[in-house]
PDB file of N, CA and C in Angstrom:
ATOM      1  N   UNK A   1     158.982  83.993 130.027  1.00  0.00           N
ATOM      2  CA  UNK A   1     157.535  83.966 129.959  1.00  0.00           C
ATOM      3  C   UNK A   1     156.965  85.381 129.984  1.00  0.00           C
ATOM      4  N   UNK A   2     157.525  86.221 130.841  1.00  0.00           N
ATOM      5  CA  UNK A   2     157.050  87.601 130.940  1.00  0.00           C
ATOM      6  C   UNK A   2     157.242  88.311 129.595  1.00  0.00           C
ATOM      7  N   UNK A   3     158.369  88.044 128.916  1.00  0.00           N
ATOM      8  CA  UNK A   3     158.650  88.647 127.615  1.00  0.00           C
ATOM      9  C   UNK A   3     157.590  88.224 126.592  1.00  0.00           C
ATOM     10  N   UNK A   4     157.224  86.941 126.585  1.00  0.00           N
ATOM     11  CA  UNK A   4     156.241  86.424 125.636  1.00  0.00           C
ATOM     12  C   UNK A   4     154.881  87.078 125.888  1.00  0.00           C
ATOM     13  N   UNK A   5     154.484  87.190 127.152  1.00  0.00           N
ATOM     14  CA  UNK A   5     153.207  87.831 127.479  1.00  0.00           C
ATOM     15  C   UNK A   5     153.213  89.307 127.083  1.00  0.00           C
ATOM     16  N   UNK A   6     154.333  89.972 127.314  1.00  0.00           N
ATOM     17  CA  UNK A   6     154.444  91.378 126.911  1.00  0.00           C
ATOM     18  C   UNK A   6     154.349  91.522 125.400  1.00  0.00           C
ATOM     19  N   UNK A   7     154.986  90.625 124.680  1.00  0.00           N
ATOM     20  CA  UNK A   7     154.942  90.651 123.225  1.00  0.00           C
ATOM     21  C   UNK A   7     153.523  90.402 122.712  1.00  0.00           C
ATOM     22  N   UNK A   8     152.836  89.434 123.292  1.00  0.00           N
ATOM     23  CA  UNK A   8     151.451  89.144 122.894  1.00  0.00           C
ATOM     24  C   UNK A   8     150.559  90.351 123.186  1.00  0.00           C
ATOM     25  N   UNK A   9     150.741  90.962 124.337  1.00  0.00           N
ATOM     26  CA  UNK A   9     149.944  92.145 124.686  1.00  0.00           C
ATOM     27  C   UNK A   9     150.211  93.288 123.716  1.00  0.00           C
ATOM     28  N   UNK A  10     151.462  93.502 123.359  1.00  0.00           N
ATOM     29  CA  UNK A  10     151.814  94.584 122.432  1.00  0.00           C
ATOM     30  C   UNK A  10     151.207  94.337 121.051  1.00  0.00           C
ATOM     31  N   UNK A  11     151.258  93.093 120.599  1.00  0.00           N
ATOM     32  CA  UNK A  11     150.674  92.766 119.300  1.00  0.00           C
ATOM     33  C   UNK A  11     149.159  92.931 119.342  1.00  0.00           C
ATOM     34  N   UNK A  12     148.521  92.478 120.420  1.00  0.00           N
ATOM     35  CA  UNK A  12     147.071  92.592 120.551  1.00  0.00           C
ATOM     36  C   UNK A  12     146.620  94.038 120.529  1.00  0.00           C
ATOM     37  N   UNK A  13     147.359  94.899 121.194  1.00  0.00           N
ATOM     38  CA  UNK A  13     147.013  96.316 121.217  1.00  0.00           C
ATOM     39  C   UNK A  13     147.193  96.922 119.838  1.00  0.00           C
ATOM     40  N   UNK A  14     148.169  96.471 119.087  1.00  0.00           N
ATOM     41  CA  UNK A  14     148.443  97.022 117.768  1.00  0.00           C
ATOM     42  C   UNK A  14     147.518  96.543 116.671  1.00  0.00           C
ATOM     43  N   UNK A  15     146.807  95.466 116.882  1.00  0.00           N
ATOM     44  CA  UNK A  15     145.959  94.900 115.839  1.00  0.00           C
ATOM     45  C   UNK A  15     144.887  95.875 115.351  1.00  0.00           C
ATOM     46  N   UNK A  16     144.177  96.601 116.233  1.00  0.00           N
ATOM     47  CA  UNK A  16     143.167  97.520 115.704  1.00  0.00           C
ATOM     48  C   UNK A  16     143.728  98.541 114.722  1.00  0.00           C
ATOM     49  N   UNK A  17     144.968  98.937 114.885  1.00  0.00           N
ATOM     50  CA  UNK A  17     145.524  99.923 113.969  1.00  0.00           C
ATOM     51  C   UNK A  17     145.763  99.346 112.577  1.00  0.00           C
ATOM     52  N   UNK A  18     145.884  97.997 112.468  1.00  0.00           N
ATOM     53  CA  UNK A  18     146.057  97.388 111.162  1.00  0.00           C
ATOM     54  C   UNK A  18     144.738  97.330 110.403  1.00  0.00           C
ATOM     55  N   UNK A  19     143.613  97.287 111.117  1.00  0.00           N
ATOM     56  CA  UNK A  19     142.293  97.311 110.493  1.00  0.00           C
ATOM     57  C   UNK A  19     141.978  98.761 110.174  1.00  0.00           C
ATOM     58  N   UNK A  20     142.610  99.263 109.131  1.00  0.00           N
ATOM     59  CA  UNK A  20     142.570 100.694 108.871  1.00  0.00           C
ATOM     60  C   UNK A  20     141.294 101.122 108.154  1.00  0.00           C
ATOM     61  N   UNK A  21     140.956 102.355 108.418  1.00  0.00           N
ATOM     62  CA  UNK A  21     139.848 102.983 107.725  1.00  0.00           C
ATOM     63  C   UNK A  21     140.287 103.262 106.299  1.00  0.00           C
ATOM     64  N   UNK A  22     139.349 103.157 105.382  1.00  0.00           N
ATOM     65  CA  UNK A  22     139.734 103.434 104.009  1.00  0.00           C
ATOM     66  C   UNK A  22     138.578 104.034 103.227  1.00  0.00           C
ATOM     67  N   UNK A  23     138.934 104.816 102.236  1.00  0.00           N
ATOM     68  CA  UNK A  23     137.984 105.361 101.278  1.00  0.00           C
ATOM     69  C   UNK A  23     138.441 104.930  99.893  1.00  0.00           C
ATOM     70  N   UNK A  24     137.511 104.417  99.118  1.00  0.00           N
ATOM     71  CA  UNK A  24     137.836 103.975  97.764  1.00  0.00           C
ATOM     72  C   UNK A  24     136.543 103.838  96.982  1.00  0.00           C
ATOM     73  N   UNK A  25     136.570 104.249  95.728  1.00  0.00           N
ATOM     74  CA  UNK A  25     135.376 104.139  94.901  1.00  0.00           C
ATOM     75  C   UNK A  25     134.268 105.023  95.440  1.00  0.00           C
ATOM     76  N   UNK A  26     133.195 104.396  95.899  1.00  0.00           N
ATOM     77  CA  UNK A  26     132.068 105.154  96.459  1.00  0.00           C
ATOM     78  C   UNK A  26     131.895 104.920  97.961  1.00  0.00           C
ATOM     79  N   UNK A  27     132.867 104.242  98.594  1.00  0.00           N
ATOM     80  CA  UNK A  27     132.757 103.944 100.024  1.00  0.00           C
ATOM     81  C   UNK A  27     133.886 104.549 100.850  1.00  0.00           C
ATOM     82  N   UNK A  28     133.547 105.013 102.036  1.00  0.00           N
ATOM     83  CA  UNK A  28     134.503 105.287 103.108  1.00  0.00           C
ATOM     84  C   UNK A  28     134.105 104.324 104.209  1.00  0.00           C
ATOM     85  N   UNK A  29     134.901 103.284 104.432  1.00  0.00           N
ATOM     86  CA  UNK A  29     134.520 102.216 105.342  1.00  0.00           C
ATOM     87  C   UNK A  29     135.241 102.237 106.665  1.00  0.00           C
ATOM     88  N   UNK A  30     134.482 102.004 107.721  1.00  0.00           N
ATOM     89  CA  UNK A  30     135.013 101.914 109.084  1.00  0.00           C
ATOM     90  C   UNK A  30     135.875 103.112 109.440  1.00  0.00           C
ATOM     91  N   UNK A  31     135.388 104.283 109.114  1.00  0.00           N
ATOM     92  CA  UNK A  31     136.105 105.522 109.420  1.00  0.00           C
ATOM     93  C   UNK A  31     135.520 106.161 110.664  1.00  0.00           C
ATOM     94  N   UNK A  32     136.288 107.023 111.288  1.00  0.00           N
ATOM     95  CA  UNK A  32     135.736 107.842 112.362  1.00  0.00           C
ATOM     96  C   UNK A  32     135.560 109.254 111.819  1.00  0.00           C
ATOM     97  N   UNK A  33     134.641 109.972 112.403  1.00  0.00           N
ATOM     98  CA  UNK A  33     134.375 111.335 111.972  1.00  0.00           C
ATOM     99  C   UNK A  33     135.307 112.263 112.734  1.00  0.00           C
ATOM    100  N   UNK A  34     136.134 112.991 111.997  1.00  0.00           N
ATOM    101  CA  UNK A  34     137.091 113.912 112.604  1.00  0.00           C
ATOM    102  C   UNK A  34     136.559 115.336 112.692  1.00  0.00           C
ATOM    103  N   UNK A  35     135.685 115.699 111.763  1.00  0.00           N
ATOM    104  CA  UNK A  35     135.095 117.045 111.786  1.00  0.00           C
ATOM    105  C   UNK A  35     133.663 116.948 111.276  1.00  0.00           C
ATOM    106  N   UNK A  36     132.772 117.642 111.970  1.00  0.00           N
ATOM    107  CA  UNK A  36     131.360 117.680 111.605  1.00  0.00           C
ATOM    108  C   UNK A  36     130.961 119.144 111.545  1.00  0.00           C
ATOM    109  N   UNK A  37     130.536 119.605 110.363  1.00  0.00           N
ATOM    110  CA  UNK A  37     130.210 121.012 110.155  1.00  0.00           C
ATOM    111  C   UNK A  37     128.756 121.121 109.709  1.00  0.00           C
ATOM    112  N   UNK A  38     127.990 121.974 110.384  1.00  0.00           N
ATOM    113  CA  UNK A  38     126.617 122.254 109.970  1.00  0.00           C
ATOM    114  C   UNK A  38     126.584 123.703 109.504  1.00  0.00           C
ATOM    115  N   UNK A  39     126.214 123.902 108.231  1.00  0.00           N
ATOM    116  CA  UNK A  39     126.194 125.260 107.670  1.00  0.00           C
ATOM    117  C   UNK A  39     124.912 125.986 108.087  1.00  0.00           C
ATOM    118  N   UNK A  40     124.834 127.266 107.761  1.00  0.00           N
ATOM    119  CA  UNK A  40     123.681 128.064 108.178  1.00  0.00           C
ATOM    120  C   UNK A  40     122.379 127.613 107.529  1.00  0.00           C
ATOM    121  N   UNK A  41     122.438 126.861 106.435  1.00  0.00           N
ATOM    122  CA  UNK A  41     121.213 126.332 105.837  1.00  0.00           C
ATOM    123  C   UNK A  41     120.898 124.915 106.326  1.00  0.00           C
ATOM    124  N   UNK A  42     121.730 124.381 107.227  1.00  0.00           N
ATOM    125  CA  UNK A  42     121.492 123.065 107.811  1.00  0.00           C
ATOM    126  C   UNK A  42     122.215 121.922 107.129  1.00  0.00           C
ATOM    127  N   UNK A  43     122.798 122.157 105.948  1.00  0.00           N
ATOM    128  CA  UNK A  43     123.541 121.094 105.275  1.00  0.00           C
ATOM    129  C   UNK A  43     124.732 120.674 106.132  1.00  0.00           C
ATOM    130  N   UNK A  44     125.102 119.399 106.039  1.00  0.00           N
ATOM    131  CA  UNK A  44     126.161 118.838 106.882  1.00  0.00           C
ATOM    132  C   UNK A  44     127.355 118.429 106.026  1.00  0.00           C
ATOM    133  N   UNK A  45     128.551 118.776 106.500  1.00  0.00           N
ATOM    134  CA  UNK A  45     129.807 118.365 105.870  1.00  0.00           C
ATOM    135  C   UNK A  45     130.607 117.578 106.894  1.00  0.00           C
ATOM    136  N   UNK A  46     131.190 116.466 106.449  1.00  0.00           N
ATOM    137  CA  UNK A  46     131.898 115.555 107.347  1.00  0.00           C
ATOM    138  C   UNK A  46     133.274 115.247 106.792  1.00  0.00           C
ATOM    139  N   UNK A  47     134.294 115.367 107.643  1.00  0.00           N
ATOM    140  CA  UNK A  47     135.635 114.894 107.305  1.00  0.00           C
ATOM    141  C   UNK A  47     135.888 113.663 108.156  1.00  0.00           C
ATOM    142  N   UNK A  48     136.437 112.629 107.533  1.00  0.00           N
ATOM    143  CA  UNK A  48     136.654 111.370 108.234  1.00  0.00           C
ATOM    144  C   UNK A  48     138.143 111.064 108.397  1.00  0.00           C
ATOM    145  N   UNK A  49     138.411 109.952 109.040  1.00  0.00           N
ATOM    146  CA  UNK A  49     139.787 109.486 109.210  1.00  0.00           C
ATOM    147  C   UNK A  49     140.307 108.806 107.944  1.00  0.00           C
ATOM    148  N   UNK A  50     139.448 108.607 106.948  1.00  0.00           N
ATOM    149  CA  UNK A  50     139.858 107.990 105.689  1.00  0.00           C
ATOM    150  C   UNK A  50     140.466 109.010 104.736  1.00  0.00           C
ATOM    151  N   UNK A  51     140.925 108.524 103.602  1.00  0.00           N
ATOM    152  CA  UNK A  51     141.520 109.380 102.570  1.00  0.00           C
ATOM    153  C   UNK A  51     140.472 109.650 101.495  1.00  0.00           C
ATOM    154  N   UNK A  52     139.724 110.736 101.659  1.00  0.00           N
ATOM    155  CA  UNK A  52     138.626 111.061 100.756  1.00  0.00           C
ATOM    156  C   UNK A  52     139.088 111.324  99.323  1.00  0.00           C
ATOM    157  N   UNK A  53     140.375 111.587  99.120  1.00  0.00           N
ATOM    158  CA  UNK A  53     140.874 111.828  97.759  1.00  0.00           C
ATOM    159  C   UNK A  53     140.802 110.567  96.898  1.00  0.00           C
ATOM    160  N   UNK A  54     140.598 109.402  97.510  1.00  0.00           N
ATOM    161  CA  UNK A  54     140.526 108.139  96.786  1.00  0.00           C
ATOM    162  C   UNK A  54     139.107 107.808  96.311  1.00  0.00           C
ATOM    163  N   UNK A  55     138.159 108.691  96.581  1.00  0.00           N
ATOM    164  CA  UNK A  55     136.769 108.456  96.192  1.00  0.00           C
ATOM    165  C   UNK A  55     136.515 108.830  94.738  1.00  0.00           C
ATOM    166  N   UNK A  56     135.467 108.254  94.166  1.00  0.00           N
ATOM    167  CA  UNK A  56     135.058 108.558  92.793  1.00  0.00           C
ATOM    168  C   UNK A  56     134.111 109.760  92.745  1.00  0.00           C
ATOM    169  N   UNK A  57     134.315 110.702  93.640  1.00  0.00           N
ATOM    170  CA  UNK A  57     133.567 111.949  93.672  1.00  0.00           C
ATOM    171  C   UNK A  57     134.552 113.012  94.156  1.00  0.00           C
ATOM    172  N   UNK A  58     134.111 114.238  94.206  1.00  0.00           N
ATOM    173  CA  UNK A  58     135.013 115.334  94.558  1.00  0.00           C
ATOM    174  C   UNK A  58     134.736 115.832  95.981  1.00  0.00           C
ATOM    175  N   UNK A  59     135.626 115.515  96.936  1.00  0.00           N
ATOM    176  CA  UNK A  59     135.421 115.978  98.304  1.00  0.00           C
ATOM    177  C   UNK A  59     135.809 117.448  98.498  1.00  0.00           C
ATOM    178  N   UNK A  60     136.286 118.081  97.437  1.00  0.00           N
ATOM    179  CA  UNK A  60     136.700 119.478  97.524  1.00  0.00           C
ATOM    180  C   UNK A  60     138.008 119.628  98.285  1.00  0.00           C
ATOM    181  N   UNK A  61     138.467 120.857  98.398  1.00  0.00           N
ATOM    182  CA  UNK A  61     139.750 121.110  99.058  1.00  0.00           C
ATOM    183  C   UNK A  61     139.686 120.849 100.563  1.00  0.00           C
ATOM    184  N   UNK A  62     138.487 120.868 101.128  1.00  0.00           N
ATOM    185  CA  UNK A  62     138.326 120.602 102.570  1.00  0.00           C
ATOM    186  C   UNK A  62     138.120 119.130 102.873  1.00  0.00           C
ATOM    187  N   UNK A  63     138.024 118.299 101.821  1.00  0.00           N
ATOM    188  CA  UNK A  63     137.867 116.843 101.950  1.00  0.00           C
ATOM    189  C   UNK A  63     136.612 116.458 102.732  1.00  0.00           C
ATOM    190  N   UNK A  64     135.477 116.968 102.292  1.00  0.00           N
ATOM    191  CA  UNK A  64     134.214 116.716 102.986  1.00  0.00           C
ATOM    192  C   UNK A  64     133.293 115.782 102.219  1.00  0.00           C
ATOM    193  N   UNK A  65     132.606 114.934 102.981  1.00  0.00           N
ATOM    194  CA  UNK A  65     131.445 114.194 102.510  1.00  0.00           C
ATOM    195  C   UNK A  65     130.256 115.053 102.918  1.00  0.00           C
ATOM    196  N   UNK A  66     129.195 115.060 102.122  1.00  0.00           N
ATOM    197  CA  UNK A  66     128.097 115.980 102.413  1.00  0.00           C
ATOM    198  C   UNK A  66     126.737 115.311 102.317  1.00  0.00           C
ATOM    199  N   UNK A  67     125.799 115.833 103.128  1.00  0.00           N
ATOM    200  CA  UNK A  67     124.390 115.552 102.907  1.00  0.00           C
ATOM    201  C   UNK A  67     123.601 116.813 103.205  1.00  0.00           C
ATOM    202  N   UNK A  68     122.427 116.884 102.581  1.00  0.00           N
ATOM    203  CA  UNK A  68     121.645 118.120 102.575  1.00  0.00           C
ATOM    204  C   UNK A  68     120.344 117.969 103.335  1.00  0.00           C
ATOM    205  N   UNK A  69     119.810 119.085 103.771  1.00  0.00           N
ATOM    206  CA  UNK A  69     118.524 119.072 104.474  1.00  0.00           C
ATOM    207  C   UNK A  69     117.406 118.548 103.587  1.00  0.00           C
ATOM    208  N   UNK A  70     117.597 118.584 102.288  1.00  0.00           N
ATOM    209  CA  UNK A  70     116.581 118.086 101.359  1.00  0.00           C
ATOM    210  C   UNK A  70     116.627 116.566 101.201  1.00  0.00           C
ATOM    211  N   UNK A  71     117.667 115.911 101.718  1.00  0.00           N
ATOM    212  CA  UNK A  71     117.748 114.449 101.655  1.00  0.00           C
ATOM    213  C   UNK A  71     116.668 113.843 102.548  1.00  0.00           C
ATOM    214  N   UNK A  72     116.005 112.815 102.053  1.00  0.00           N
ATOM    215  CA  UNK A  72     114.897 112.188 102.765  1.00  0.00           C
ATOM    216  C   UNK A  72     115.289 111.721 104.166  1.00  0.00           C
ATOM    217  N   UNK A  73     116.471 111.162 104.307  1.00  0.00           N
ATOM    218  CA  UNK A  73     116.913 110.608 105.596  1.00  0.00           C
ATOM    219  C   UNK A  73     117.790 111.589 106.373  1.00  0.00           C
ATOM    220  N   UNK A  74     117.688 112.880 106.082  1.00  0.00           N
ATOM    221  CA  UNK A  74     118.552 113.890 106.714  1.00  0.00           C
ATOM    222  C   UNK A  74     118.579 113.763 108.244  1.00  0.00           C
ATOM    223  N   UNK A  75     117.437 113.754 108.883  1.00  0.00           N
ATOM    224  CA  UNK A  75     117.385 113.733 110.357  1.00  0.00           C
ATOM    225  C   UNK A  75     118.057 112.478 110.908  1.00  0.00           C
ATOM    226  N   UNK A  76     117.803 111.346 110.275  1.00  0.00           N
ATOM    227  CA  UNK A  76     118.407 110.093 110.734  1.00  0.00           C
ATOM    228  C   UNK A  76     119.912 110.103 110.510  1.00  0.00           C
ATOM    229  N   UNK A  77     120.359 110.581 109.337  1.00  0.00           N
ATOM    230  CA  UNK A  77     121.794 110.648 109.051  1.00  0.00           C
ATOM    231  C   UNK A  77     122.499 111.589 110.010  1.00  0.00           C
ATOM    232  N   UNK A  78     121.872 112.722 110.280  1.00  0.00           N
ATOM    233  CA  UNK A  78     122.494 113.690 111.188  1.00  0.00           C
ATOM    234  C   UNK A  78     122.621 113.087 112.582  1.00  0.00           C
ATOM    235  N   UNK A  79     121.559 112.445 113.065  1.00  0.00           N
ATOM    236  CA  UNK A  79     121.600 111.814 114.390  1.00  0.00           C
ATOM    237  C   UNK A  79     122.667 110.730 114.449  1.00  0.00           C
ATOM    238  N   UNK A  80     122.729 109.917 113.412  1.00  0.00           N
ATOM    239  CA  UNK A  80     123.713 108.827 113.371  1.00  0.00           C
ATOM    240  C   UNK A  80     125.136 109.380 113.305  1.00  0.00           C
ATOM    241  N   UNK A  81     125.356 110.406 112.493  1.00  0.00           N
ATOM    242  CA  UNK A  81     126.683 111.018 112.370  1.00  0.00           C
ATOM    243  C   UNK A  81     127.114 111.671 113.666  1.00  0.00           C
ATOM    244  N   UNK A  82     126.200 112.385 114.294  1.00  0.00           N
ATOM    245  CA  UNK A  82     126.519 113.056 115.555  1.00  0.00           C
ATOM    246  C   UNK A  82     126.858 112.041 116.641  1.00  0.00           C
ATOM    247  N   UNK A  83     126.112 110.963 116.694  1.00  0.00           N
ATOM    248  CA  UNK A  83     126.389 109.901 117.667  1.00  0.00           C
ATOM    249  C   UNK A  83     127.747 109.268 117.403  1.00  0.00           C
ATOM    250  N   UNK A  84     128.037 108.951 116.142  1.00  0.00           N
ATOM    251  CA  UNK A  84     129.334 108.354 115.793  1.00  0.00           C
ATOM    252  C   UNK A  84     130.469 109.317 116.121  1.00  0.00           C
ATOM    253  N   UNK A  85     130.255 110.600 115.883  1.00  0.00           N
ATOM    254  CA  UNK A  85     131.281 111.614 116.179  1.00  0.00           C
ATOM    255  C   UNK A  85     131.570 111.682 117.680  1.00  0.00           C
ATOM    256  N   UNK A  86     130.531 111.769 118.474  1.00  0.00           N
ATOM    257  CA  UNK A  86     130.704 111.889 119.927  1.00  0.00           C
ATOM    258  C   UNK A  86     131.358 110.637 120.505  1.00  0.00           C
ATOM    259  N   UNK A  87     130.956 109.477 120.021  1.00  0.00           N
ATOM    260  CA  UNK A  87     131.487 108.217 120.542  1.00  0.00           C
ATOM    261  C   UNK A  87     132.789 107.795 119.864  1.00  0.00           C
ATOM    262  N   UNK A  88     133.193 108.515 118.798  1.00  0.00           N
ATOM    263  CA  UNK A  88     134.345 108.126 117.983  1.00  0.00           C
ATOM    264  C   UNK A  88     134.228 106.670 117.537  1.00  0.00           C
ATOM    265  N   UNK A  89     132.998 106.294 117.165  1.00  0.00           N
ATOM    266  CA  UNK A  89     132.700 104.941 116.710  1.00  0.00           C
ATOM    267  C   UNK A  89     132.867 104.857 115.197  1.00  0.00           C
ATOM    268  N   UNK A  90     133.346 103.730 114.678  1.00  0.00           N
ATOM    269  CA  UNK A  90     133.499 103.580 113.231  1.00  0.00           C
ATOM    270  C   UNK A  90     132.147 103.610 112.520  1.00  0.00           C
ATOM    271  N   UNK A  91     132.148 104.187 111.337  1.00  0.00           N
ATOM    272  CA  UNK A  91     130.943 104.302 110.529  1.00  0.00           C
ATOM    273  C   UNK A  91     131.364 104.162 109.065  1.00  0.00           C
ATOM    274  N   UNK A  92     130.455 103.686 108.242  1.00  0.00           N
ATOM    275  CA  UNK A  92     130.720 103.535 106.811  1.00  0.00           C
ATOM    276  C   UNK A  92     129.762 104.421 106.027  1.00  0.00           C
ATOM    277  N   UNK A  93     130.312 105.161 105.075  1.00  0.00           N
ATOM    278  CA  UNK A  93     129.529 106.036 104.202  1.00  0.00           C
ATOM    279  C   UNK A  93     129.590 105.501 102.781  1.00  0.00           C
ATOM    280  N   UNK A  94     128.456 105.550 102.104  1.00  0.00           N
ATOM    281  CA  UNK A  94     128.405 105.230 100.673  1.00  0.00           C
ATOM    282  C   UNK A  94     128.002 106.514  99.963  1.00  0.00           C
ATOM    283  N   UNK A  95     128.802 106.923  99.008  1.00  0.00           N
ATOM    284  CA  UNK A  95     128.536 108.150  98.267  1.00  0.00           C
ATOM    285  C   UNK A  95     127.765 107.866  96.984  1.00  0.00           C
ATOM    286  N   UNK A  96     127.121 108.891  96.457  1.00  0.00           N
ATOM    287  CA  UNK A  96     126.484 108.803  95.148  1.00  0.00           C
ATOM    288  C   UNK A  96     127.605 108.989  94.127  1.00  0.00           C
ATOM    289  N   UNK A  97     127.878 107.981  93.352  1.00  0.00           N
ATOM    290  CA  UNK A  97     128.985 108.028  92.406  1.00  0.00           C
ATOM    291  C   UNK A  97     128.737 108.972  91.240  1.00  0.00           C
ATOM    292  N   UNK A  98     129.800 109.577  90.765  1.00  0.00           N
ATOM    293  CA  UNK A  98     129.738 110.417  89.587  1.00  0.00           C
ATOM    294  C   UNK A  98     128.945 111.701  89.744  1.00  0.00           C
ATOM    295  N   UNK A  99     128.841 112.205  90.966  1.00  0.00           N
ATOM    296  CA  UNK A  99     128.019 113.398  91.202  1.00  0.00           C
ATOM    297  C   UNK A  99     128.833 114.672  91.343  1.00  0.00           C
ATOM    298  N   UNK A 100     130.122 114.596  91.124  1.00  0.00           N
ATOM    299  CA  UNK A 100     130.948 115.767  91.417  1.00  0.00           C
ATOM    300  C   UNK A 100     131.183 115.808  92.917  1.00  0.00           C
ATOM    301  N   UNK A 101     130.416 116.591  93.621  1.00  0.00           N
ATOM    302  CA  UNK A 101     130.508 116.676  95.081  1.00  0.00           C
ATOM    303  C   UNK A 101     130.222 115.307  95.696  1.00  0.00           C
ATOM    304  N   UNK A 102     130.895 114.978  96.805  1.00  0.00           N
ATOM    305  CA  UNK A 102     130.695 113.693  97.479  1.00  0.00           C
ATOM    306  C   UNK A 102     129.451 113.731  98.369  1.00  0.00           C
ATOM    307  N   UNK A 103     128.296 113.469  97.750  1.00  0.00           N
ATOM    308  CA  UNK A 103     127.049 113.415  98.504  1.00  0.00           C
ATOM    309  C   UNK A 103     126.806 111.999  98.999  1.00  0.00           C
ATOM    310  N   UNK A 104     126.359 111.886 100.241  1.00  0.00           N
ATOM    311  CA  UNK A 104     126.093 110.588 100.876  1.00  0.00           C
ATOM    312  C   UNK A 104     124.833 109.964 100.270  1.00  0.00           C
ATOM    313  N   UNK A 105     124.911 108.675  99.974  1.00  0.00           N
ATOM    314  CA  UNK A 105     123.764 107.895  99.515  1.00  0.00           C
ATOM    315  C   UNK A 105     123.136 107.164 100.702  1.00  0.00           C
ATOM    316  N   UNK A 106     123.997 106.577 101.544  1.00  0.00           N
ATOM    317  CA  UNK A 106     123.554 105.966 102.796  1.00  0.00           C
ATOM    318  C   UNK A 106     124.761 105.763 103.691  1.00  0.00           C
ATOM    319  N   UNK A 107     124.504 105.428 104.945  1.00  0.00           N
ATOM    320  CA  UNK A 107     125.573 105.156 105.913  1.00  0.00           C
ATOM    321  C   UNK A 107     125.117 104.024 106.824  1.00  0.00           C
ATOM    322  N   UNK A 108     126.096 103.335 107.418  1.00  0.00           N
ATOM    323  CA  UNK A 108     125.755 102.286 108.373  1.00  0.00           C
ATOM    324  C   UNK A 108     126.890 102.078 109.363  1.00  0.00           C
ATOM    325  N   UNK A 109     126.522 101.423 110.465  1.00  0.00           N
ATOM    326  CA  UNK A 109     127.493 101.047 111.496  1.00  0.00           C
ATOM    327  C   UNK A 109     127.292  99.581 111.820  1.00  0.00           C
ATOM    328  N   UNK A 110     128.383  98.939 112.232  1.00  0.00           N
ATOM    329  CA  UNK A 110     128.335  97.557 112.669  1.00  0.00           C
ATOM    330  C   UNK A 110     128.933  97.460 114.064  1.00  0.00           C
ATOM    331  N   UNK A 111     128.477  96.490 114.820  1.00  0.00           N
ATOM    332  CA  UNK A 111     129.044  96.284 116.158  1.00  0.00           C
ATOM    333  C   UNK A 111     130.194  95.335 116.077  1.00  0.00           C
TER     334      UNK A 111
END
């Protein structure tokens, strides 16, 4: 019985790792933010736990998703990204497709 309970506990702990973060097309879904960079002009670059090379945009050699101070929702996106980074909470990014650089179109979180 102890073996069965240990096995169930081990499987339960391992399940979150199977729900992997992914980037594909124009989405990076359920990723955590691994690096958050604010440049001297205020633009934000984000590296996630996903594989940004699978996106339909160019994350560059540093593999960054980006948003700019000129974006209408800049303050909200920055606050949301910073909160997700500090809490290491999953977040989903949608990029603007076909733009070259991977610019964020919107982002969201789910509980």
